């Protein structure tokens, strides 16, 4: 692939272009699933997976790809912030920050993208503060070995227990207790390949081996035995997908449609174990 610029030919590597497009398609599917805290971290680390551009044409292409990605993901995250409210009047305008991707001129594409991420989320948090349910889920993931009760958790996020319970179920589609078990299971996935399954199930609080197997299959699509037999790279892909969706809030119908249209390899859904709700 070649491009003509100012009378000169610049070779664009097809493999480079394919890696960039694939990475951004997968990222577009994931960013609409992540909560706002994790989305900012994810977007700031995303460029680390990009091979660097080698010529002016590749830099222009990368600028354009990042601009489109920022526009679509910014709109999707803002729409998601409004899904629980009917208020259509909002001072936050995602498109305002897109100019940071091309101004000042000559700014490197990845430097410009980081500038967009920082400015976008700074204003986003000012207009749409992170909900208590999101902060509670983040605490559970950061301190997954702690047996959180609703009272302690609600005090940490400055909400009433009743409000947190209601908002958490609306945002994540399950109770706080079930969410804690879901996170513990996903974190334990690598151990299943090496350790005694019954001991892990007991440690995580499952009443029986059968209940653990059902929850494991919902999380991975496989039984623990089949998971053990996978090649390491396949098992790691399942672990990564499970962790991604375990961190995710429940997407609204529009978000699910956008995720389906963008993701080249959608992460497996990690379903709640209803018997422990």
Protein backbone atom coordinates (compact mmCIF):
# COMPACT_ATOMS: atom_id res chain seq x y z
CA UNK A 1 0.00 0.00 0.00
CA UNK A 2 1.43 3.40 -0.96
CA UNK A 3 0.31 6.99 -0.54
CA UNK A 4 1.28 10.13 -2.49
CA UNK A 5 2.04 13.22 -0.43
CA UNK A 6 3.62 16.42 -1.81
CA UNK A 7 4.79 14.53 -4.88
CA UNK A 8 6.56 11.82 -2.86
CA UNK A 9 5.57 8.22 -2.33
CA UNK A 10 5.36 6.91 1.23
CA UNK A 11 4.98 3.21 1.72
CA UNK A 12 2.29 2.16 4.21
CA UNK A 13 2.91 -1.26 5.65
CA UNK A 14 -0.17 -3.46 5.24
CA UNK A 15 0.68 -5.47 8.34
CA UNK A 16 1.05 -2.27 10.38
CA UNK A 17 -2.27 -0.98 9.09
CA UNK A 18 -4.00 -4.28 9.89
CA UNK A 19 -2.69 -4.30 13.46
CA UNK A 20 -3.91 -0.74 14.07
CA UNK A 21 -7.38 -1.39 12.63
CA UNK A 22 -7.83 -4.67 14.51
CA UNK A 23 -6.68 -3.15 17.82
CA UNK A 24 -9.08 -0.21 17.51
CA UNK A 25 -12.01 -2.43 16.51
CA UNK A 26 -11.50 -4.63 19.55
CA UNK A 27 -11.01 -1.58 21.76
CA UNK A 28 -14.25 -0.02 20.48
CA UNK A 29 -16.12 -3.12 21.57
CA UNK A 30 -14.52 -3.16 25.00
CA UNK A 31 -14.64 0.49 25.94
CA UNK A 32 -18.46 0.57 25.83
CA UNK A 33 -18.52 -2.29 28.34
CA UNK A 34 -16.06 -0.89 30.88
CA UNK A 35 -17.10 1.40 33.69
CA UNK A 36 -15.73 4.91 33.63
CA UNK A 37 -12.79 4.31 35.98
CA UNK A 38 -11.50 1.33 34.05
CA UNK A 39 -12.27 2.95 30.68
CA UNK A 40 -9.86 5.81 31.36
CA UNK A 41 -7.09 3.41 32.41
CA UNK A 42 -7.78 1.20 29.39
CA UNK A 43 -7.64 4.10 26.93
CA UNK A 44 -4.42 5.44 28.40
CA UNK A 45 -2.70 2.07 28.02
CA UNK A 46 -4.23 1.21 24.63
CA UNK A 47 -1.51 2.88 22.49
CA UNK A 48 1.12 0.64 24.07
CA UNK A 49 -0.09 -2.12 21.76
CA UNK A 50 0.37 -0.04 18.60
CA UNK A 51 3.44 -0.52 16.42
CA UNK A 52 4.92 2.95 15.79
CA UNK A 53 4.37 4.67 12.43
CA UNK A 54 7.48 4.92 10.26
CA UNK A 55 6.54 7.59 7.75
CA UNK A 56 4.36 10.64 7.27
CA UNK A 57 1.61 8.64 5.59
CA UNK A 58 1.40 6.18 8.48
CA UNK A 59 1.28 9.04 10.99
CA UNK A 60 -1.60 10.67 9.05
CA UNK A 61 -3.47 7.37 8.91
CA UNK A 62 -2.97 6.80 12.64
CA UNK A 63 -4.22 10.32 13.37
CA UNK A 64 -7.35 9.64 11.34
CA UNK A 65 -8.02 6.26 12.93
CA UNK A 66 -7.59 7.67 16.44
CA UNK A 67 -9.85 10.60 15.62
CA UNK A 68 -12.66 8.31 14.48
CA UNK A 69 -12.17 6.02 17.47
CA UNK A 70 -12.22 8.93 19.93
CA UNK A 71 -15.37 10.38 18.38
CA UNK A 72 -17.29 7.11 18.51
CA UNK A 73 -16.13 5.95 21.93
CA UNK A 74 -16.61 9.39 23.48
CA UNK A 75 -20.18 9.55 22.19
CA UNK A 76 -20.90 6.03 23.42
CA UNK A 77 -19.56 6.67 26.93
CA UNK A 78 -21.54 9.90 27.20
CA UNK A 79 -24.74 8.22 26.01
CA UNK A 80 -24.22 5.54 28.62
CA UNK A 81 -23.91 8.14 31.38
CA UNK A 82 -27.38 9.36 30.40
CA UNK A 83 -29.06 5.97 30.22
CA UNK A 84 -30.49 6.27 33.75
CA UNK A 85 -31.85 9.79 33.29
CA UNK A 86 -34.33 11.48 31.01
CA UNK A 87 -32.52 14.81 31.21
CA UNK A 88 -31.40 15.65 27.67
CA UNK A 89 -29.89 19.04 28.54
CA UNK A 90 -26.23 18.52 29.28
CA UNK A 91 -23.25 20.93 29.28
CA UNK A 92 -20.85 18.13 28.37
CA UNK A 93 -20.15 18.02 24.63
CA UNK A 94 -17.80 15.15 23.68
CA UNK A 95 -17.01 16.59 20.25
CA UNK A 96 -15.33 19.67 21.78
CA UNK A 97 -12.29 17.62 22.80
CA UNK A 98 -11.66 16.11 19.39
CA UNK A 99 -9.70 19.19 18.30
CA UNK A 100 -6.96 18.05 20.69
CA UNK A 101 -6.22 15.24 18.24
CA UNK A 102 -5.01 17.66 15.55
CA UNK A 103 -4.12 20.87 17.42
CA UNK A 104 -1.43 22.05 17.67
CA UNK A 105 -0.39 20.89 14.25
CA UNK A 106 2.55 18.55 14.13
CA UNK A 107 1.66 16.88 17.42
CA UNK A 108 2.46 13.17 17.40
CA UNK A 109 -0.64 10.94 17.11
CA UNK A 110 -0.20 9.05 20.40
CA UNK A 111 0.72 12.21 22.31
CA UNK A 112 -2.42 13.85 20.94
CA UNK A 113 -4.53 10.82 21.90
CA UNK A 114 -3.29 10.90 25.49
CA UNK A 115 -4.12 14.60 25.61
CA UNK A 116 -7.65 13.84 24.44
CA UNK A 117 -8.11 11.09 27.07
CA UNK A 118 -6.99 13.33 29.94
CA UNK A 119 -9.08 16.34 28.89
CA UNK A 120 -12.15 14.28 28.02
CA UNK A 121 -12.31 12.44 31.35
CA UNK A 122 -11.46 15.50 33.44
CA UNK A 123 -14.51 17.34 32.13
CA UNK A 124 -16.59 14.15 32.02
CA UNK A 125 -16.09 13.61 35.77
CA UNK A 126 -16.98 17.23 36.49
CA UNK A 127 -20.30 17.03 34.65
CA UNK A 128 -21.06 13.37 35.34
CA UNK A 129 -19.51 12.31 38.69
CA UNK A 130 -18.66 8.62 38.94
CA UNK A 131 -21.75 6.85 40.40
CA UNK A 132 -21.59 5.21 43.82
CA UNK A 133 -22.28 1.79 42.27
CA UNK A 134 -19.28 2.15 39.97
CA UNK A 135 -17.03 3.17 42.85
CA UNK A 136 -18.31 0.24 44.91
CA UNK A 137 -17.59 -2.25 42.12
CA UNK A 138 -14.10 -0.80 41.77
CA UNK A 139 -13.48 -1.27 45.50
CA UNK A 140 -14.65 -4.89 45.29
CA UNK A 141 -12.25 -5.59 42.42
CA UNK A 142 -9.32 -3.85 44.10
CA UNK A 143 -9.90 -5.67 47.40
CA UNK A 144 -11.43 -8.91 46.20
CA UNK A 145 -10.28 -10.91 49.24
CA UNK A 146 -12.29 -8.69 51.58
CA UNK A 147 -15.79 -9.89 52.47
CA UNK A 148 -17.61 -6.62 51.89
CA UNK A 149 -20.98 -6.10 53.49
CA UNK A 150 -23.41 -3.56 52.08
CA UNK A 151 -23.20 -1.23 55.08
CA UNK A 152 -19.41 -0.95 54.99
CA UNK A 153 -19.38 -0.57 51.23
CA UNK A 154 -22.08 2.11 51.23
CA UNK A 155 -20.15 4.11 53.85
CA UNK A 156 -17.00 4.01 51.70
CA UNK A 157 -18.82 5.39 48.66
CA UNK A 158 -20.97 7.87 50.64
CA UNK A 159 -24.37 6.38 49.84
CA UNK A 160 -27.13 4.77 51.84
CA UNK A 161 -27.26 0.99 51.86
CA UNK A 162 -30.67 1.01 50.19
CA UNK A 163 -29.55 3.41 47.46
CA UNK A 164 -26.35 1.44 46.76
CA UNK A 165 -28.20 -1.87 46.65
CA UNK A 166 -30.75 -0.52 44.18
CA UNK A 167 -28.27 1.31 41.97
CA UNK A 168 -25.77 -1.55 41.95
CA UNK A 169 -28.33 -4.05 40.70
CA UNK A 170 -29.49 -1.62 38.01
CA UNK A 171 -25.91 -0.93 36.87
CA UNK A 172 -24.47 -4.45 37.07
CA UNK A 173 -27.56 -6.64 36.79
CA UNK A 174 -26.88 -8.56 40.01
CA UNK A 175 -26.59 -8.19 43.76
CA UNK A 176 -23.40 -6.98 45.43
CA UNK A 177 -22.86 -10.43 46.95
CA UNK A 178 -23.15 -12.15 43.58
CA UNK A 179 -20.77 -9.62 42.03
CA UNK A 180 -18.17 -10.38 44.70
CA UNK A 181 -18.42 -14.08 43.94
CA UNK A 182 -18.17 -13.38 40.21
CA UNK A 183 -14.95 -11.39 40.68
CA UNK A 184 -13.45 -14.04 42.97
CA UNK A 185 -14.16 -16.75 40.42
CA UNK A 186 -12.58 -14.83 37.54
CA UNK A 187 -9.48 -14.04 39.55
CA UNK A 188 -9.17 -17.73 40.45
CA UNK A 189 -9.29 -18.92 36.80
CA UNK A 190 -5.51 -19.33 36.36
CA UNK A 191 -5.36 -21.45 39.53
CA UNK A 192 -7.82 -23.96 38.10
CA UNK A 193 -5.18 -25.13 35.64
CA UNK A 194 -2.77 -26.07 38.42
CA UNK A 195 -4.60 -26.57 41.70
CA UNK A 196 -7.27 -28.85 43.12
CA UNK A 197 -10.65 -27.72 41.80
CA UNK A 198 -12.63 -28.86 44.85
CA UNK A 199 -10.33 -26.90 47.16
CA UNK A 200 -10.76 -23.74 45.07
CA UNK A 201 -14.55 -24.16 45.00
CA UNK A 202 -14.64 -24.53 48.78
CA UNK A 203 -12.39 -21.52 49.27
CA UNK A 204 -14.66 -19.37 47.10
CA UNK A 205 -17.71 -20.41 49.11
CA UNK A 206 -19.52 -22.68 46.66
CA UNK A 207 -21.75 -25.17 48.43
CA UNK A 208 -20.93 -28.01 46.10
CA UNK A 209 -18.65 -29.03 43.27
CA UNK A 210 -21.68 -28.97 40.96
CA UNK A 211 -22.45 -25.31 41.73
CA UNK A 212 -18.85 -24.35 41.08
CA UNK A 213 -18.79 -26.23 37.77
CA UNK A 214 -21.97 -24.49 36.64
CA UNK A 215 -20.57 -21.06 37.53
CA UNK A 216 -17.26 -21.88 35.87
CA UNK A 217 -18.96 -22.95 32.66
CA UNK A 218 -21.05 -19.78 32.60
CA UNK A 219 -17.87 -17.74 32.96
CA UNK A 220 -15.73 -19.55 30.38
CA UNK A 221 -17.99 -21.74 28.25
CA UNK A 222 -15.94 -24.75 29.39
CA UNK A 223 -15.76 -27.22 32.23
CA UNK A 224 -12.69 -26.99 34.49
CA UNK A 225 -11.43 -30.25 32.95
CA UNK A 226 -11.67 -28.90 29.40
CA UNK A 227 -10.09 -25.62 30.50
CA UNK A 228 -7.10 -27.50 31.91
CA UNK A 229 -6.56 -29.24 28.59
CA UNK A 230 -6.39 -26.05 26.51
CA UNK A 231 -3.06 -24.79 25.18
CA UNK A 232 -1.72 -21.98 27.34
CA UNK A 233 -2.39 -19.21 24.80
CA UNK A 234 -6.04 -20.26 24.41
CA UNK A 235 -6.55 -20.46 28.15
CA UNK A 236 -5.02 -17.00 28.58
CA UNK A 237 -7.39 -15.57 25.98
CA UNK A 238 -10.36 -16.93 27.91
CA UNK A 239 -8.95 -15.53 31.16
CA UNK A 240 -8.44 -12.10 29.60
CA UNK A 241 -11.95 -12.06 28.13
CA UNK A 242 -13.51 -13.16 31.42
CA UNK A 243 -11.67 -10.46 33.34
CA UNK A 244 -12.72 -7.81 30.86
CA UNK A 245 -16.40 -8.65 31.08
CA UNK A 246 -16.25 -9.19 34.84
CA UNK A 247 -15.17 -5.57 35.19
CA UNK A 248 -17.99 -4.37 32.98
CA UNK A 249 -21.26 -2.85 33.96
CA UNK A 250 -24.36 -4.15 32.22
CA UNK A 251 -24.54 -2.33 28.87
CA UNK A 252 -27.73 -0.65 27.78
CA UNK A 253 -29.40 -2.07 24.61
CA UNK A 254 -27.80 0.61 22.42
CA UNK A 255 -24.38 -0.11 23.90
CA UNK A 256 -24.81 -3.84 23.26
CA UNK A 257 -25.66 -3.11 19.63
CA UNK A 258 -22.58 -0.90 19.23
CA UNK A 259 -20.38 -3.51 20.87
CA UNK A 260 -21.70 -6.17 18.52
CA UNK A 261 -21.00 -4.02 15.48
CA UNK A 262 -17.43 -3.13 16.48
CA UNK A 263 -15.93 -6.08 18.31
CA UNK A 264 -14.04 -8.50 16.08
CA UNK A 265 -13.79 -11.05 18.85
CA UNK A 266 -16.34 -10.24 21.56
CA UNK A 267 -15.42 -11.20 25.10
CA UNK A 268 -17.41 -14.03 26.66
CA UNK A 269 -20.13 -12.90 28.97
CA UNK A 270 -19.59 -13.83 32.59
CA UNK A 271 -23.02 -14.68 33.89
CA UNK A 272 -24.05 -14.38 37.49
CA UNK A 273 -24.50 -17.56 39.50
CA UNK A 274 -28.16 -17.07 40.33
CA UNK A 275 -28.10 -19.68 43.07
CA UNK A 276 -25.91 -17.36 45.16
CA UNK A 277 -27.71 -14.05 44.58
